[in-house]
Amino acid sequence: MPRIQIDLPDTLPFSCEIQLYLSHMNYGGHLDNALLLTVVSEARVRYLKSMDYTELSVEGLGIIVADAALQYKSEAFHGETMVVSMGAADFSKYGCDLQWRMTDLASGREVARGKTGIVFFDYTARRISPVPDGFRRRFPSDQT
């Protein structure tokens, strides 16, 4: 079976530092595969906050994670600080991909990379909605 390969741009416009806690580790002593996504989720919240949004308020709509793909590159350990870089790309009518890369701050070692597909959601009407124009305009290089 072919392995997932995720191509990312050399740089992504946003980054934040997140320290790994003991609760992120598994019995093997390294970052648990499921908990890696909790670190990415925290980075997503911070990315949106950097644009004055929340997951429930992006130009009047919320977001929902529709899918995720990730590729592990190396182990990560308790106490290490991860730099999670993120950007939006591949817009469709209802959403886009949030591309991300996680590296160890001290060594620069890449730990994982991936993309999380989001769709915009009107929580009042309980249905997906088109990408808000104000959000899409923030990413002129990815206009579709």
N, C-alpha and C. Protein backbone atom coordinates (compact mmCIF):
# COMPACT_ATOMS: atom_id res chain seq x y z
N MET A 1 0.84 -1.17 0.00
CA MET A 1 0.00 0.00 0.00
C MET A 1 0.89 1.24 0.00
N PRO A 2 0.65 2.18 -0.91
CA PRO A 2 1.46 3.39 -0.93
C PRO A 2 1.20 4.26 0.30
N ARG A 3 2.24 4.87 0.79
CA ARG A 3 2.15 5.76 1.95
C ARG A 3 1.65 7.13 1.52
N ILE A 4 1.00 7.85 2.44
CA ILE A 4 0.55 9.21 2.20
C ILE A 4 1.78 10.11 2.07
N GLN A 5 1.79 10.94 1.05
CA GLN A 5 2.84 11.94 0.86
C GLN A 5 2.16 13.30 0.77
N ILE A 6 2.55 14.22 1.63
CA ILE A 6 1.93 15.53 1.67
C ILE A 6 2.97 16.56 1.27
N ASP A 7 2.69 17.26 0.19
CA ASP A 7 3.57 18.33 -0.28
C ASP A 7 3.09 19.65 0.30
N LEU A 8 4.03 20.39 0.88
CA LEU A 8 3.72 21.69 1.48
C LEU A 8 4.62 22.75 0.88
N PRO A 9 4.19 24.00 0.91
CA PRO A 9 5.10 25.07 0.51
C PRO A 9 6.25 25.15 1.51
N ASP A 10 7.36 25.76 1.09
CA ASP A 10 8.53 25.88 1.96
C ASP A 10 8.21 26.65 3.23
N THR A 11 7.36 27.67 3.12
CA THR A 11 6.98 28.45 4.29
C THR A 11 5.47 28.55 4.39
N LEU A 12 5.00 28.65 5.61
CA LEU A 12 3.58 28.86 5.89
C LEU A 12 3.47 30.14 6.69
N PRO A 13 2.40 30.92 6.50
CA PRO A 13 2.36 32.29 7.03
C PRO A 13 2.25 32.45 8.54
N PHE A 14 1.79 31.42 9.24
CA PHE A 14 1.58 31.53 10.69
C PHE A 14 2.37 30.46 11.40
N SER A 15 2.90 30.77 12.57
CA SER A 15 3.51 29.73 13.40
C SER A 15 3.34 30.07 14.87
N CYS A 16 3.30 29.04 15.68
CA CYS A 16 3.21 29.20 17.14
C CYS A 16 3.99 28.07 17.79
N GLU A 17 4.36 28.28 19.04
CA GLU A 17 5.10 27.28 19.80
C GLU A 17 4.15 26.61 20.79
N ILE A 18 4.22 25.28 20.85
CA ILE A 18 3.39 24.50 21.77
C ILE A 18 4.27 23.46 22.43
N GLN A 19 4.34 23.50 23.75
CA GLN A 19 5.14 22.53 24.49
C GLN A 19 4.38 21.22 24.64
N LEU A 20 5.10 20.11 24.51
CA LEU A 20 4.50 18.80 24.68
C LEU A 20 4.50 18.41 26.15
N TYR A 21 3.34 17.99 26.63
CA TYR A 21 3.17 17.60 28.02
C TYR A 21 3.20 16.08 28.15
N LEU A 22 3.34 15.61 29.36
CA LEU A 22 3.33 14.19 29.63
C LEU A 22 2.04 13.54 29.11
N SER A 23 0.93 14.28 29.20
CA SER A 23 -0.35 13.74 28.74
C SER A 23 -0.41 13.56 27.22
N HIS A 24 0.55 14.12 26.47
CA HIS A 24 0.61 13.92 25.02
C HIS A 24 1.35 12.63 24.65
N MET A 25 2.00 11.98 25.62
CA MET A 25 2.85 10.83 25.33
C MET A 25 2.06 9.52 25.42
N ASN A 26 2.55 8.51 24.71
CA ASN A 26 1.94 7.19 24.79
C ASN A 26 2.86 6.25 25.58
N TYR A 27 2.47 4.99 25.65
CA TYR A 27 3.25 4.01 26.42
C TYR A 27 4.65 3.80 25.85
N GLY A 28 4.88 4.19 24.60
CA GLY A 28 6.21 4.08 24.00
C GLY A 28 7.11 5.25 24.36
N GLY A 29 6.56 6.22 25.08
CA GLY A 29 7.36 7.35 25.53
C GLY A 29 7.51 8.48 24.53
N HIS A 30 6.74 8.42 23.44
CA HIS A 30 6.78 9.50 22.46
C HIS A 30 5.37 10.02 22.19
N LEU A 31 5.28 11.09 21.40
CA LEU A 31 4.00 11.73 21.10
C LEU A 31 3.02 10.70 20.54
N ASP A 32 1.87 10.60 21.18
CA ASP A 32 0.83 9.68 20.75
C ASP A 32 0.24 10.13 19.42
N ASN A 33 -0.01 9.19 18.53
CA ASN A 33 -0.49 9.55 17.18
C ASN A 33 -1.83 10.28 17.23
N ALA A 34 -2.74 9.89 18.11
CA ALA A 34 -4.03 10.57 18.19
C ALA A 34 -3.89 11.95 18.82
N LEU A 35 -2.99 12.09 19.77
CA LEU A 35 -2.84 13.37 20.47
C LEU A 35 -2.07 14.39 19.65
N LEU A 36 -1.37 13.95 18.62
CA LEU A 36 -0.75 14.90 17.70
C LEU A 36 -1.82 15.84 17.14
N LEU A 37 -2.99 15.30 16.84
CA LEU A 37 -4.06 16.15 16.30
C LEU A 37 -4.59 17.14 17.32
N THR A 38 -4.46 16.85 18.61
CA THR A 38 -4.86 17.85 19.60
C THR A 38 -3.89 19.03 19.59
N VAL A 39 -2.62 18.76 19.34
CA VAL A 39 -1.63 19.84 19.22
C VAL A 39 -1.94 20.68 17.98
N VAL A 40 -2.26 20.01 16.88
CA VAL A 40 -2.62 20.72 15.65
C VAL A 40 -3.91 21.52 15.85
N SER A 41 -4.86 20.98 16.60
CA SER A 41 -6.10 21.71 16.89
C SER A 41 -5.83 22.98 17.68
N GLU A 42 -4.93 22.90 18.64
CA GLU A 42 -4.56 24.10 19.40
C GLU A 42 -3.93 25.14 18.48
N ALA A 43 -3.08 24.69 17.57
CA ALA A 43 -2.46 25.61 16.61
C ALA A 43 -3.52 26.25 15.71
N ARG A 44 -4.53 25.47 15.31
CA ARG A 44 -5.61 26.00 14.47
C ARG A 44 -6.37 27.11 15.21
N VAL A 45 -6.66 26.89 16.48
CA VAL A 45 -7.34 27.91 17.29
C VAL A 45 -6.50 29.18 17.35
N ARG A 46 -5.19 29.03 17.53
CA ARG A 46 -4.30 30.19 17.60
C ARG A 46 -4.18 30.89 16.25
N TYR A 47 -4.17 30.10 15.16
CA TYR A 47 -4.13 30.68 13.82
C TYR A 47 -5.37 31.54 13.58
N LEU A 48 -6.52 30.99 13.88
CA LEU A 48 -7.76 31.76 13.71
C LEU A 48 -7.74 33.00 14.59
N LYS A 49 -7.29 32.86 15.83
CA LYS A 49 -7.22 34.01 16.75
C LYS A 49 -6.31 35.10 16.20
N SER A 50 -5.24 34.71 15.51
CA SER A 50 -4.33 35.71 14.93
C SER A 50 -5.02 36.57 13.88
N MET A 51 -6.15 36.08 13.35
CA MET A 51 -6.95 36.82 12.38
C MET A 51 -8.21 37.39 13.01
N ASP A 52 -8.28 37.36 14.35
CA ASP A 52 -9.44 37.83 15.12
C ASP A 52 -10.69 36.99 14.88
N TYR A 53 -10.51 35.69 14.69
CA TYR A 53 -11.61 34.75 14.54
C TYR A 53 -11.57 33.72 15.67
N THR A 54 -12.68 32.98 15.81
CA THR A 54 -12.72 31.77 16.62
C THR A 54 -13.31 30.68 15.74
N GLU A 55 -13.28 29.45 16.22
CA GLU A 55 -13.86 28.36 15.44
C GLU A 55 -15.37 28.49 15.28
N LEU A 56 -16.00 29.28 16.14
CA LEU A 56 -17.44 29.50 16.04
C LEU A 56 -17.80 30.83 15.41
N SER A 57 -16.79 31.63 15.07
CA SER A 57 -17.07 32.96 14.54
C SER A 57 -16.02 33.39 13.52
N VAL A 58 -16.26 32.99 12.28
CA VAL A 58 -15.44 33.43 11.14
C VAL A 58 -16.39 34.15 10.20
N GLU A 59 -16.38 35.47 10.29
CA GLU A 59 -17.28 36.26 9.44
C GLU A 59 -18.73 35.81 9.60
N GLY A 60 -19.12 35.47 10.83
CA GLY A 60 -20.49 35.07 11.12
C GLY A 60 -20.79 33.59 11.01
N LEU A 61 -19.81 32.79 10.62
CA LEU A 61 -20.01 31.35 10.50
C LEU A 61 -19.01 30.61 11.39
N GLY A 62 -19.30 29.36 11.66
CA GLY A 62 -18.36 28.50 12.35
C GLY A 62 -17.62 27.64 11.35
N ILE A 63 -16.69 26.85 11.85
CA ILE A 63 -16.01 25.88 11.00
C ILE A 63 -16.21 24.49 11.57
N ILE A 64 -16.12 23.52 10.69
CA ILE A 64 -16.16 22.11 11.06
C ILE A 64 -14.99 21.43 10.35
N VAL A 65 -14.29 20.57 11.07
CA VAL A 65 -13.24 19.77 10.45
C VAL A 65 -13.92 18.67 9.64
N ALA A 66 -13.63 18.63 8.35
CA ALA A 66 -14.24 17.65 7.46
C ALA A 66 -13.36 16.43 7.25
N ASP A 67 -12.06 16.63 7.24
CA ASP A 67 -11.13 15.52 7.06
C ASP A 67 -9.74 15.95 7.50
N ALA A 68 -8.87 14.98 7.63
CA ALA A 68 -7.49 15.26 8.01
C ALA A 68 -6.58 14.21 7.39
N ALA A 69 -5.42 14.66 6.96
CA ALA A 69 -4.38 13.75 6.47
C ALA A 69 -3.08 14.17 7.13
N LEU A 70 -2.29 13.19 7.54
CA LEU A 70 -1.03 13.55 8.17
C LEU A 70 0.04 12.53 7.84
N GLN A 71 1.25 13.00 7.95
CA GLN A 71 2.41 12.18 7.64
C GLN A 71 3.42 12.39 8.77
N TYR A 72 3.77 11.31 9.45
CA TYR A 72 4.75 11.39 10.52
C TYR A 72 6.15 11.38 9.94
N LYS A 73 7.04 12.20 10.51
CA LYS A 73 8.42 12.28 10.03
C LYS A 73 9.42 11.81 11.07
N SER A 74 9.12 12.03 12.37
CA SER A 74 10.03 11.61 13.44
C SER A 74 9.29 11.60 14.76
N GLU A 75 9.92 11.03 15.77
CA GLU A 75 9.33 11.02 17.10
C GLU A 75 9.42 12.41 17.74
N ALA A 76 8.55 12.64 18.72
CA ALA A 76 8.61 13.83 19.55
C ALA A 76 8.42 13.38 20.99
N PHE A 77 9.02 14.13 21.93
CA PHE A 77 9.10 13.67 23.30
C PHE A 77 8.63 14.72 24.30
N HIS A 78 8.28 14.23 25.49
CA HIS A 78 7.85 15.09 26.59
C HIS A 78 8.84 16.22 26.82
N GLY A 79 8.30 17.43 26.96
CA GLY A 79 9.13 18.60 27.24
C GLY A 79 9.62 19.33 26.01
N GLU A 80 9.59 18.70 24.85
CA GLU A 80 10.01 19.40 23.64
C GLU A 80 8.97 20.46 23.28
N THR A 81 9.44 21.52 22.67
CA THR A 81 8.54 22.56 22.19
C THR A 81 8.43 22.43 20.68
N MET A 82 7.20 22.28 20.24
CA MET A 82 6.93 22.16 18.81
C MET A 82 6.61 23.54 18.24
N VAL A 83 7.09 23.79 17.04
CA VAL A 83 6.68 24.95 16.27
C VAL A 83 5.70 24.41 15.23
N VAL A 84 4.47 24.87 15.31
CA VAL A 84 3.46 24.44 14.35
C VAL A 84 3.19 25.62 13.43
N SER A 85 3.50 25.42 12.15
CA SER A 85 3.27 26.44 11.12
C SER A 85 2.02 26.06 10.35
N MET A 86 1.26 27.07 9.92
CA MET A 86 -0.04 26.78 9.30
C MET A 86 -0.40 27.85 8.27
N GLY A 87 -1.16 27.44 7.27
CA GLY A 87 -1.69 28.35 6.27
C GLY A 87 -2.89 27.74 5.59
N ALA A 88 -3.69 28.56 4.93
CA ALA A 88 -4.89 28.10 4.22
C ALA A 88 -4.61 28.02 2.73
N ALA A 89 -5.16 26.99 2.09
CA ALA A 89 -4.95 26.79 0.65
C ALA A 89 -6.07 25.90 0.10
N ASP A 90 -6.07 25.74 -1.20
CA ASP A 90 -6.99 24.82 -1.88
C ASP A 90 -8.45 25.10 -1.53
N PHE A 91 -8.87 26.32 -1.76
CA PHE A 91 -10.24 26.72 -1.47
C PHE A 91 -11.23 26.06 -2.42
N SER A 92 -12.38 25.70 -1.88
CA SER A 92 -13.52 25.23 -2.66
C SER A 92 -14.69 26.15 -2.34
N LYS A 93 -15.85 25.81 -2.81
CA LYS A 93 -17.02 26.65 -2.54
C LYS A 93 -17.32 26.74 -1.04
N TYR A 94 -17.14 25.64 -0.31
CA TYR A 94 -17.55 25.58 1.08
C TYR A 94 -16.41 25.54 2.10
N GLY A 95 -15.18 25.46 1.66
CA GLY A 95 -14.09 25.34 2.64
C GLY A 95 -12.73 25.45 2.02
N CYS A 96 -11.76 24.95 2.76
CA CYS A 96 -10.37 24.98 2.31
C CYS A 96 -9.58 23.98 3.15
N ASP A 97 -8.31 23.83 2.81
CA ASP A 97 -7.39 23.03 3.60
C ASP A 97 -6.54 23.95 4.46
N LEU A 98 -6.37 23.59 5.71
CA LEU A 98 -5.37 24.23 6.55
C LEU A 98 -4.16 23.32 6.54
N GLN A 99 -3.13 23.77 5.86
CA GLN A 99 -1.89 23.00 5.75
C GLN A 99 -1.05 23.29 6.99
N TRP A 100 -0.31 22.30 7.48
CA TRP A 100 0.50 22.52 8.67
C TRP A 100 1.77 21.67 8.65
N ARG A 101 2.74 22.17 9.38
CA ARG A 101 4.01 21.47 9.58
C ARG A 101 4.40 21.62 11.05
N MET A 102 4.86 20.54 11.67
CA MET A 102 5.28 20.57 13.07
C MET A 102 6.77 20.22 13.14
N THR A 103 7.55 21.10 13.75
CA THR A 103 8.98 20.87 13.91
C THR A 103 9.38 21.11 15.36
N ASP A 104 10.46 20.47 15.77
CA ASP A 104 11.01 20.69 17.10
C ASP A 104 11.77 22.01 17.12
N LEU A 105 11.45 22.87 18.08
CA LEU A 105 12.07 24.19 18.16
C LEU A 105 13.58 24.10 18.32
N ALA A 106 14.07 23.24 19.19
CA ALA A 106 15.50 23.19 19.51
C ALA A 106 16.34 22.67 18.35
N SER A 107 15.88 21.64 17.67
CA SER A 107 16.70 20.99 16.65
C SER A 107 16.30 21.32 15.22
N GLY A 108 15.06 21.79 15.03
CA GLY A 108 14.54 22.01 13.69
C GLY A 108 14.05 20.74 13.02
N ARG A 109 14.10 19.61 13.73
CA ARG A 109 13.68 18.32 13.19
C ARG A 109 12.18 18.35 12.87
N GLU A 110 11.83 17.94 11.67
CA GLU A 110 10.40 17.87 11.32
C GLU A 110 9.80 16.64 11.98
N VAL A 111 8.68 16.85 12.68
CA VAL A 111 8.00 15.77 13.39
C VAL A 111 6.83 15.24 12.57
N ALA A 112 6.04 16.14 11.98
CA ALA A 112 4.87 15.71 11.20
C ALA A 112 4.44 16.85 10.30
N ARG A 113 3.64 16.49 9.30
CA ARG A 113 3.04 17.47 8.40
C ARG A 113 1.66 16.96 8.01
N GLY A 114 0.83 17.89 7.58
CA GLY A 114 -0.50 17.44 7.19
C GLY A 114 -1.38 18.56 6.70
N LYS A 115 -2.62 18.21 6.52
CA LYS A 115 -3.62 19.20 6.15
C LYS A 115 -4.95 18.77 6.76
N THR A 116 -5.68 19.78 7.18
CA THR A 116 -6.98 19.56 7.79
C THR A 116 -7.99 20.29 6.92
N GLY A 117 -8.94 19.55 6.38
CA GLY A 117 -9.99 20.16 5.57
C GLY A 117 -11.06 20.73 6.47
N ILE A 118 -11.40 22.00 6.25
CA ILE A 118 -12.48 22.62 7.02
C ILE A 118 -13.58 23.06 6.07
N VAL A 119 -14.80 23.03 6.57
CA VAL A 119 -15.94 23.60 5.86
C VAL A 119 -16.59 24.62 6.80
N PHE A 120 -17.22 25.60 6.21
CA PHE A 120 -17.90 26.64 6.98
C PHE A 120 -19.32 26.19 7.26
N PHE A 121 -19.79 26.52 8.47
CA PHE A 121 -21.06 25.98 8.94
C PHE A 121 -21.88 27.06 9.61
N ASP A 122 -23.13 27.15 9.21
CA ASP A 122 -24.08 28.07 9.82
C ASP A 122 -24.77 27.30 10.94
N TYR A 123 -24.37 27.60 12.18
CA TYR A 123 -24.91 26.85 13.31
C TYR A 123 -26.38 27.16 13.58
N THR A 124 -26.88 28.30 13.15
CA THR A 124 -28.29 28.63 13.32
C THR A 124 -29.14 27.81 12.37
N ALA A 125 -28.74 27.76 11.10
CA ALA A 125 -29.49 27.00 10.09
C ALA A 125 -29.10 25.52 10.08
N ARG A 126 -28.00 25.15 10.77
CA ARG A 126 -27.50 23.77 10.84
C ARG A 126 -27.17 23.22 9.46
N ARG A 127 -26.41 24.01 8.67
CA ARG A 127 -25.99 23.54 7.34
C ARG A 127 -24.67 24.19 6.95
N ILE A 128 -23.99 23.54 6.01
CA ILE A 128 -22.74 24.13 5.53
C ILE A 128 -23.06 25.38 4.72
N SER A 129 -22.08 26.26 4.66
CA SER A 129 -22.26 27.54 3.96
C SER A 129 -21.02 27.84 3.14
N PRO A 130 -21.16 28.65 2.11
CA PRO A 130 -19.99 29.03 1.31
C PRO A 130 -18.94 29.76 2.16
N VAL A 131 -17.70 29.66 1.71
CA VAL A 131 -16.60 30.36 2.38
C VAL A 131 -16.94 31.85 2.41
N PRO A 132 -16.87 32.48 3.58
CA PRO A 132 -17.16 33.92 3.65
C PRO A 132 -16.16 34.72 2.81
N ASP A 133 -16.69 35.70 2.08
CA ASP A 133 -15.83 36.53 1.22
C ASP A 133 -14.69 37.17 1.99
N GLY A 134 -14.96 37.67 3.20
CA GLY A 134 -13.93 38.33 4.00
C GLY A 134 -12.78 37.39 4.34
N PHE A 135 -13.10 36.14 4.62
CA PHE A 135 -12.06 35.16 4.91
C PHE A 135 -11.28 34.83 3.64
N ARG A 136 -11.98 34.59 2.55
CA ARG A 136 -11.31 34.23 1.29
C ARG A 136 -10.37 35.34 0.82
N ARG A 137 -10.77 36.59 1.01
CA ARG A 137 -9.93 37.71 0.57
C ARG A 137 -8.60 37.79 1.30
N ARG A 138 -8.47 37.15 2.45
CA ARG A 138 -7.22 37.14 3.19
C ARG A 138 -6.14 36.32 2.49
N PHE A 139 -6.53 35.54 1.51
CA PHE A 139 -5.61 34.60 0.84
C PHE A 139 -5.66 34.80 -0.67
N PRO A 140 -5.21 35.97 -1.14
CA PRO A 140 -5.36 36.30 -2.58
C PRO A 140 -4.61 35.35 -3.51
N SER A 141 -3.57 34.71 -3.04
CA SER A 141 -2.81 33.82 -3.93
C SER A 141 -3.54 32.50 -4.16
N ASP A 142 -4.61 32.24 -3.44
CA ASP A 142 -5.33 30.99 -3.58
C ASP A 142 -6.77 31.23 -4.01
N GLN A 143 -7.03 32.23 -4.79
CA GLN A 143 -8.40 32.51 -5.26
C GLN A 143 -8.78 31.47 -6.29
N THR A 144 -10.02 30.97 -6.18
CA THR A 144 -10.51 29.99 -7.15
C THR A 144 -11.71 30.53 -7.87
